[in-house]
Amino acid sequence: MTGFALMLSYVLGSVPTGAWLARTRGVDIRQVGSGNTGATNVARALGPAAGIGTLLFDACKGALAVAVGYAFGADALTAALCGALAVLGHNYSPFLRFAGGKGVATTLGLLLAVNPVLGACALAAGLTVMLVTRLVSLGSVVGAVTAVLAAATLGGAPWQLPLVAALAGLLVWRHRANLVRLRAGTEPRFGERVAAA
């Protein structure tokens, strides 16, 4: 049954919220702005309400996948792996020919479900950086690194640190183009709307 829970979690995570929401407005989000299907690009293309909706739904995918694991009788580690598979589904969705988002919101949802303290630390650090700099990518990376540091220092199950580190590494890898732009000073700040055309 846990094998089915893992597969179901991947499928759940692969639901391309931003892409499908944009499609209802006649927009192919992959052809707009950064081409990313996540909440930031959706907000830039379609406005803040659409971005917030995408953010919340994507976060719920991570948390719900953990709940799916528990519902099928999984232990804590397997339930967390269900959440991790939801992140992989979000990033590499079969509905989008294995393209997708960067996994920020889905990873946050997973963290809050698995260990609320780690999730809160990541959210607080990431949100602070985003509010101060208006650079969502920088805040996302800082939040991921903070989650790793919190897992290393606050204790918890032995598997939490390697899992959080792996998820943070994936998130940073998905932001590699953003990091290049951050270094060059060309990364767009939040609020710079992109024409949906």
C-alpha atoms as a PDB file:
ATOM      1  CA  MET A   1       0.000   0.000   0.000  1.00  0.00           C
ATOM      2  CA  THR A   2       2.882   2.396   0.669  1.00  0.00           C
ATOM      3  CA  GLY A   3       4.052   1.878  -2.927  1.00  0.00           C
ATOM      4  CA  PHE A   4       0.659   3.066  -4.123  1.00  0.00           C
ATOM      5  CA  ALA A   5       0.863   6.044  -1.758  1.00  0.00           C
ATOM      6  CA  LEU A   6       4.242   7.009  -3.229  1.00  0.00           C
ATOM      7  CA  MET A   7       2.908   6.813  -6.796  1.00  0.00           C
ATOM      8  CA  LEU A   8      -0.230   8.731  -5.872  1.00  0.00           C
ATOM      9  CA  SER A   9       1.887  11.439  -4.250  1.00  0.00           C
ATOM     10  CA  TYR A  10       3.920  11.885  -7.419  1.00  0.00           C
ATOM     11  CA  VAL A  11       0.753  12.222  -9.487  1.00  0.00           C
ATOM     12  CA  LEU A  12      -0.695  14.685  -6.977  1.00  0.00           C
ATOM     13  CA  GLY A  13       2.448  16.786  -7.083  1.00  0.00           C
ATOM     14  CA  SER A  14       2.508  16.744 -10.868  1.00  0.00           C
ATOM     15  CA  VAL A  15      -0.790  18.638 -11.164  1.00  0.00           C
ATOM     16  CA  PRO A  16       0.446  21.820 -12.914  1.00  0.00           C
ATOM     17  CA  THR A  17      -1.595  24.374 -11.010  1.00  0.00           C
ATOM     18  CA  GLY A  18      -0.108  27.494 -12.571  1.00  0.00           C
ATOM     19  CA  ALA A  19      -0.143  26.148 -16.117  1.00  0.00           C
ATOM     20  CA  TRP A  20      -3.758  25.034 -15.934  1.00  0.00           C
ATOM     21  CA  LEU A  21      -4.882  28.243 -14.245  1.00  0.00           C
ATOM     22  CA  ALA A  22      -3.179  30.308 -16.926  1.00  0.00           C
ATOM     23  CA  ARG A  23      -4.752  28.174 -19.635  1.00  0.00           C
ATOM     24  CA  THR A  24      -8.225  29.127 -18.377  1.00  0.00           C
ATOM     25  CA  ARG A  25      -7.266  32.700 -19.288  1.00  0.00           C
ATOM     26  CA  GLY A  26      -5.916  31.754 -22.687  1.00  0.00           C
ATOM     27  CA  VAL A  27      -2.282  32.037 -21.618  1.00  0.00           C
ATOM     28  CA  ASP A  28       0.475  29.470 -22.025  1.00  0.00           C
ATOM     29  CA  ILE A  29       2.494  30.341 -18.930  1.00  0.00           C
ATOM     30  CA  ARG A  30       5.505  28.518 -20.373  1.00  0.00           C
ATOM     31  CA  GLN A  31       5.696  31.180 -23.079  1.00  0.00           C
ATOM     32  CA  VAL A  32       5.462  34.134 -20.698  1.00  0.00           C
ATOM     33  CA  GLY A  33       8.150  35.740 -18.570  1.00  0.00           C
ATOM     34  CA  SER A  34      10.557  33.138 -17.210  1.00  0.00           C
ATOM     35  CA  GLY A  35       8.493  30.298 -18.655  1.00  0.00           C
ATOM     36  CA  ASN A  36       8.209  28.817 -15.174  1.00  0.00           C
ATOM     37  CA  THR A  37       4.865  27.424 -14.010  1.00  0.00           C
ATOM     38  CA  GLY A  38       5.277  28.505 -10.386  1.00  0.00           C
ATOM     39  CA  ALA A  39       3.496  31.164  -8.390  1.00  0.00           C
ATOM     40  CA  THR A  40       5.984  33.986  -9.057  1.00  0.00           C
ATOM     41  CA  ASN A  41       5.711  33.809 -12.825  1.00  0.00           C
ATOM     42  CA  VAL A  42       1.943  33.335 -12.609  1.00  0.00           C
ATOM     43  CA  ALA A  43       1.685  36.460 -10.433  1.00  0.00           C
ATOM     44  CA  ARG A  44       3.796  38.467 -12.860  1.00  0.00           C
ATOM     45  CA  ALA A  45       1.767  37.308 -15.837  1.00  0.00           C
ATOM     46  CA  LEU A  46      -1.767  37.149 -14.424  1.00  0.00           C
ATOM     47  CA  GLY A  47      -1.717  39.267 -11.285  1.00  0.00           C
ATOM     48  CA  PRO A  48      -1.301  38.687  -7.530  1.00  0.00           C
ATOM     49  CA  ALA A  49      -4.571  36.821  -6.963  1.00  0.00           C
ATOM     50  CA  ALA A  50      -3.620  34.132  -9.459  1.00  0.00           C
ATOM     51  CA  GLY A  51      -0.138  33.960  -7.985  1.00  0.00           C
ATOM     52  CA  ILE A  52      -1.432  33.545  -4.434  1.00  0.00           C
ATOM     53  CA  GLY A  53      -3.872  30.860  -5.549  1.00  0.00           C
ATOM     54  CA  THR A  54      -1.088  28.965  -7.274  1.00  0.00           C
ATOM     55  CA  LEU A  55       1.172  29.335  -4.233  1.00  0.00           C
ATOM     56  CA  LEU A  56      -1.431  27.985  -1.815  1.00  0.00           C
ATOM     57  CA  PHE A  57      -2.434  25.059  -4.005  1.00  0.00           C
ATOM     58  CA  ASP A  58       1.170  24.090  -4.676  1.00  0.00           C
ATOM     59  CA  ALA A  59       1.975  24.215  -0.951  1.00  0.00           C
ATOM     60  CA  CYS A  60      -1.054  22.040  -0.238  1.00  0.00           C
ATOM     61  CA  LYS A  61       0.272  19.440  -2.679  1.00  0.00           C
ATOM     62  CA  GLY A  62       3.343  18.889  -0.506  1.00  0.00           C
ATOM     63  CA  ALA A  63       1.394  18.736   2.750  1.00  0.00           C
ATOM     64  CA  LEU A  64      -1.366  16.575   1.292  1.00  0.00           C
ATOM     65  CA  ALA A  65       1.148  14.074  -0.072  1.00  0.00           C
ATOM     66  CA  VAL A  66       2.518  13.596   3.447  1.00  0.00           C
ATOM     67  CA  ALA A  67      -1.046  13.074   4.683  1.00  0.00           C
ATOM     68  CA  VAL A  68      -1.608  10.519   1.902  1.00  0.00           C
ATOM     69  CA  GLY A  69       1.375   8.564   3.159  1.00  0.00           C
ATOM     70  CA  TYR A  70       0.015   8.452   6.679  1.00  0.00           C
ATOM     71  CA  ALA A  71      -3.464   7.562   5.408  1.00  0.00           C
ATOM     72  CA  PHE A  72      -1.992   4.467   3.747  1.00  0.00           C
ATOM     73  CA  GLY A  73      -0.231   3.395   6.935  1.00  0.00           C
ATOM     74  CA  ALA A  74       3.244   4.707   6.152  1.00  0.00           C
ATOM     75  CA  ASP A  75       5.774   5.503   8.831  1.00  0.00           C
ATOM     76  CA  ALA A  76       7.130   9.041   9.240  1.00  0.00           C
ATOM     77  CA  LEU A  77      10.020   8.569   6.810  1.00  0.00           C
ATOM     78  CA  THR A  78       7.847   7.068   4.067  1.00  0.00           C
ATOM     79  CA  ALA A  79       5.251   9.801   4.549  1.00  0.00           C
ATOM     80  CA  ALA A  80       8.013  12.370   4.126  1.00  0.00           C
ATOM     81  CA  LEU A  81       9.161  10.571   0.985  1.00  0.00           C
ATOM     82  CA  CYS A  82       5.608  10.885  -0.315  1.00  0.00           C
ATOM     83  CA  GLY A  83       6.011  14.622   0.093  1.00  0.00           C
ATOM     84  CA  ALA A  84       9.372  14.500  -1.671  1.00  0.00           C
ATOM     85  CA  LEU A  85       7.788  12.675  -4.604  1.00  0.00           C
ATOM     86  CA  ALA A  86       5.157  15.412  -4.777  1.00  0.00           C
ATOM     87  CA  VAL A  87       8.006  17.913  -5.137  1.00  0.00           C
ATOM     88  CA  LEU A  88       9.503  15.831  -7.939  1.00  0.00           C
ATOM     89  CA  GLY A  89       6.100  15.637  -9.589  1.00  0.00           C
ATOM     90  CA  HIS A  90       5.767  19.410  -9.384  1.00  0.00           C
ATOM     91  CA  ASN A  91       9.217  19.981 -10.861  1.00  0.00           C
ATOM     92  CA  TYR A  92       8.992  17.263 -13.511  1.00  0.00           C
ATOM     93  CA  SER A  93       5.324  16.941 -14.388  1.00  0.00           C
ATOM     94  CA  PRO A  94       4.250  14.367 -17.001  1.00  0.00           C
ATOM     95  CA  PHE A  95       1.421  16.758 -17.843  1.00  0.00           C
ATOM     96  CA  LEU A  96       4.066  19.241 -19.054  1.00  0.00           C
ATOM     97  CA  ARG A  97       6.439  16.777 -20.737  1.00  0.00           C
ATOM     98  CA  PHE A  98       8.404  16.541 -17.494  1.00  0.00           C
ATOM     99  CA  ALA A  99       8.895  20.288 -17.122  1.00  0.00           C
ATOM    100  CA  GLY A 100       7.414  22.266 -14.254  1.00  0.00           C
ATOM    101  CA  GLY A 101       8.125  24.655 -11.430  1.00  0.00           C
ATOM    102  CA  LYS A 102      10.984  24.987  -8.978  1.00  0.00           C
ATOM    103  CA  GLY A 103       9.329  23.327  -6.026  1.00  0.00           C
ATOM    104  CA  VAL A 104       9.455  26.178  -3.523  1.00  0.00           C
ATOM    105  CA  ALA A 105       5.841  26.127  -2.345  1.00  0.00           C
ATOM    106  CA  THR A 106       5.514  22.333  -2.544  1.00  0.00           C
ATOM    107  CA  THR A 107       8.702  21.883  -0.522  1.00  0.00           C
ATOM    108  CA  LEU A 108       7.433  24.362   2.061  1.00  0.00           C
ATOM    109  CA  GLY A 109       4.166  22.445   2.356  1.00  0.00           C
ATOM    110  CA  LEU A 110       6.110  19.230   2.888  1.00  0.00           C
ATOM    111  CA  LEU A 111       8.325  20.815   5.559  1.00  0.00           C
ATOM    112  CA  LEU A 112       5.379  22.252   7.467  1.00  0.00           C
ATOM    113  CA  ALA A 113       3.687  18.844   7.457  1.00  0.00           C
ATOM    114  CA  VAL A 114       6.786  16.845   8.427  1.00  0.00           C
ATOM    115  CA  ASN A 115       8.335  19.247  10.929  1.00  0.00           C
ATOM    116  CA  PRO A 116       6.493  22.534  11.490  1.00  0.00           C
ATOM    117  CA  VAL A 117       9.524  24.074  13.220  1.00  0.00           C
ATOM    118  CA  LEU A 118      11.726  23.532  10.157  1.00  0.00           C
ATOM    119  CA  GLY A 119       8.979  24.819   7.908  1.00  0.00           C
ATOM    120  CA  ALA A 120       8.472  27.900  10.057  1.00  0.00           C
ATOM    121  CA  CYS A 121      12.214  28.644  10.091  1.00  0.00           C
ATOM    122  CA  ALA A 122      12.427  28.352   6.311  1.00  0.00           C
ATOM    123  CA  LEU A 123       9.305  30.469   5.822  1.00  0.00           C
ATOM    124  CA  ALA A 124      10.436  33.205   8.213  1.00  0.00           C
ATOM    125  CA  ALA A 125      13.902  33.510   6.690  1.00  0.00           C
ATOM    126  CA  GLY A 126      12.729  33.319   3.101  1.00  0.00           C
ATOM    127  CA  LEU A 127       9.855  35.727   3.571  1.00  0.00           C
ATOM    128  CA  THR A 128      12.063  38.255   5.356  1.00  0.00           C
ATOM    129  CA  VAL A 129      14.564  38.255   2.494  1.00  0.00           C
ATOM    130  CA  MET A 130      11.775  38.535  -0.075  1.00  0.00           C
ATOM    131  CA  LEU A 131      10.171  41.489   1.714  1.00  0.00           C
ATOM    132  CA  VAL A 132      13.466  43.320   2.133  1.00  0.00           C
ATOM    133  CA  THR A 133      14.879  42.708  -1.354  1.00  0.00           C
ATOM    134  CA  ARG A 134      11.746  41.916  -3.416  1.00  0.00           C
ATOM    135  CA  LEU A 135      13.819  39.073  -4.895  1.00  0.00           C
ATOM    136  CA  VAL A 136      11.723  35.915  -4.693  1.00  0.00           C
ATOM    137  CA  SER A 137      14.506  33.671  -5.953  1.00  0.00           C
ATOM    138  CA  LEU A 138      16.940  34.904  -3.302  1.00  0.00           C
ATOM    139  CA  GLY A 139      14.365  34.442  -0.566  1.00  0.00           C
ATOM    140  CA  SER A 140      13.601  30.936  -1.820  1.00  0.00           C
ATOM    141  CA  VAL A 141      17.257  29.913  -1.741  1.00  0.00           C
ATOM    142  CA  VAL A 142      17.819  31.501   1.675  1.00  0.00           C
ATOM    143  CA  GLY A 143      14.749  29.699   3.002  1.00  0.00           C
ATOM    144  CA  ALA A 144      16.045  26.366   1.704  1.00  0.00           C
ATOM    145  CA  VAL A 145      19.476  26.870   3.254  1.00  0.00           C
ATOM    146  CA  THR A 146      17.850  27.924   6.523  1.00  0.00           C
ATOM    147  CA  ALA A 147      15.830  24.698   6.572  1.00  0.00           C
ATOM    148  CA  VAL A 148      19.043  22.681   6.264  1.00  0.00           C
ATOM    149  CA  LEU A 149      20.734  24.637   9.055  1.00  0.00           C
ATOM    150  CA  ALA A 150      17.670  24.234  11.258  1.00  0.00           C
ATOM    151  CA  ALA A 151      17.554  20.482  10.599  1.00  0.00           C
ATOM    152  CA  ALA A 152      21.229  20.238  11.508  1.00  0.00           C
ATOM    153  CA  THR A 153      20.954  22.205  14.760  1.00  0.00           C
ATOM    154  CA  LEU A 154      17.466  21.618  16.149  1.00  0.00           C
ATOM    155  CA  GLY A 155      17.525  17.839  16.193  1.00  0.00           C
ATOM    156  CA  GLY A 156      14.782  15.537  15.001  1.00  0.00           C
ATOM    157  CA  ALA A 157      14.641  12.150  13.324  1.00  0.00           C
ATOM    158  CA  PRO A 158      18.001  11.084  11.827  1.00  0.00           C
ATOM    159  CA  TRP A 159      16.571  11.003   8.295  1.00  0.00           C
ATOM    160  CA  GLN A 160      15.322  14.592   8.368  1.00  0.00           C
ATOM    161  CA  LEU A 161      18.665  16.278   7.710  1.00  0.00           C
ATOM    162  CA  PRO A 162      19.599  14.254   4.589  1.00  0.00           C
ATOM    163  CA  LEU A 163      16.070  14.577   3.214  1.00  0.00           C
ATOM    164  CA  VAL A 164      15.929  18.334   3.802  1.00  0.00           C
ATOM    165  CA  ALA A 165      19.435  18.738   2.375  1.00  0.00           C
ATOM    166  CA  ALA A 166      18.468  16.809  -0.757  1.00  0.00           C
ATOM    167  CA  LEU A 167      15.325  18.889  -1.250  1.00  0.00           C
ATOM    168  CA  ALA A 168      17.269  22.115  -0.677  1.00  0.00           C
ATOM    169  CA  GLY A 169      19.898  21.002  -3.165  1.00  0.00           C
ATOM    170  CA  LEU A 170      17.209  20.325  -5.763  1.00  0.00           C
ATOM    171  CA  LEU A 171      15.634  23.720  -5.103  1.00  0.00           C
ATOM    172  CA  VAL A 172      18.963  25.521  -5.485  1.00  0.00           C
ATOM    173  CA  TRP A 173      19.685  23.570  -8.685  1.00  0.00           C
ATOM    174  CA  ARG A 174      16.313  24.590 -10.122  1.00  0.00           C
ATOM    175  CA  HIS A 175      17.260  28.208  -9.355  1.00  0.00           C
ATOM    176  CA  ARG A 176      20.664  28.065 -11.046  1.00  0.00           C
ATOM    177  CA  ALA A 177      19.653  30.505 -13.813  1.00  0.00           C
ATOM    178  CA  ASN A 178      18.264  32.877 -11.178  1.00  0.00           C
ATOM    179  CA  LEU A 179      21.555  32.707  -9.289  1.00  0.00           C
ATOM    180  CA  VAL A 180      23.423  33.699 -12.424  1.00  0.00           C
ATOM    181  CA  ARG A 181      21.110  36.694 -12.869  1.00  0.00           C
ATOM    182  CA  LEU A 182      21.408  37.601  -9.183  1.00  0.00           C
ATOM    183  CA  ARG A 183      25.157  37.695  -9.519  1.00  0.00           C
ATOM    184  CA  ALA A 184      24.865  39.839 -12.643  1.00  0.00           C
ATOM    185  CA  GLY A 185      22.308  42.155 -11.021  1.00  0.00           C
ATOM    186  CA  THR A 186      19.667  41.415 -13.668  1.00  0.00           C
ATOM    187  CA  GLU A 187      17.224  39.305 -11.661  1.00  0.00           C
ATOM    188  CA  PRO A 188      13.733  40.902 -11.835  1.00  0.00           C
ATOM    189  CA  ARG A 189      12.188  41.982  -8.573  1.00  0.00           C
ATOM    190  CA  PHE A 190       8.708  41.015  -7.465  1.00  0.00           C
ATOM    191  CA  GLY A 191       6.057  43.422  -8.701  1.00  0.00           C
ATOM    192  CA  GLU A 192       7.565  43.804 -12.155  1.00  0.00           C
ATOM    193  CA  ARG A 193       4.616  42.532 -14.144  1.00  0.00           C
ATOM    194  CA  VAL A 194       5.166  40.566 -17.347  1.00  0.00           C
ATOM    195  CA  ALA A 195       2.764  40.933 -20.241  1.00  0.00           C
ATOM    196  CA  ALA A 196       0.631  37.820 -20.715  1.00  0.00           C
ATOM    197  CA  ALA A 197       0.866  37.426 -24.459  1.00  0.00           C
END
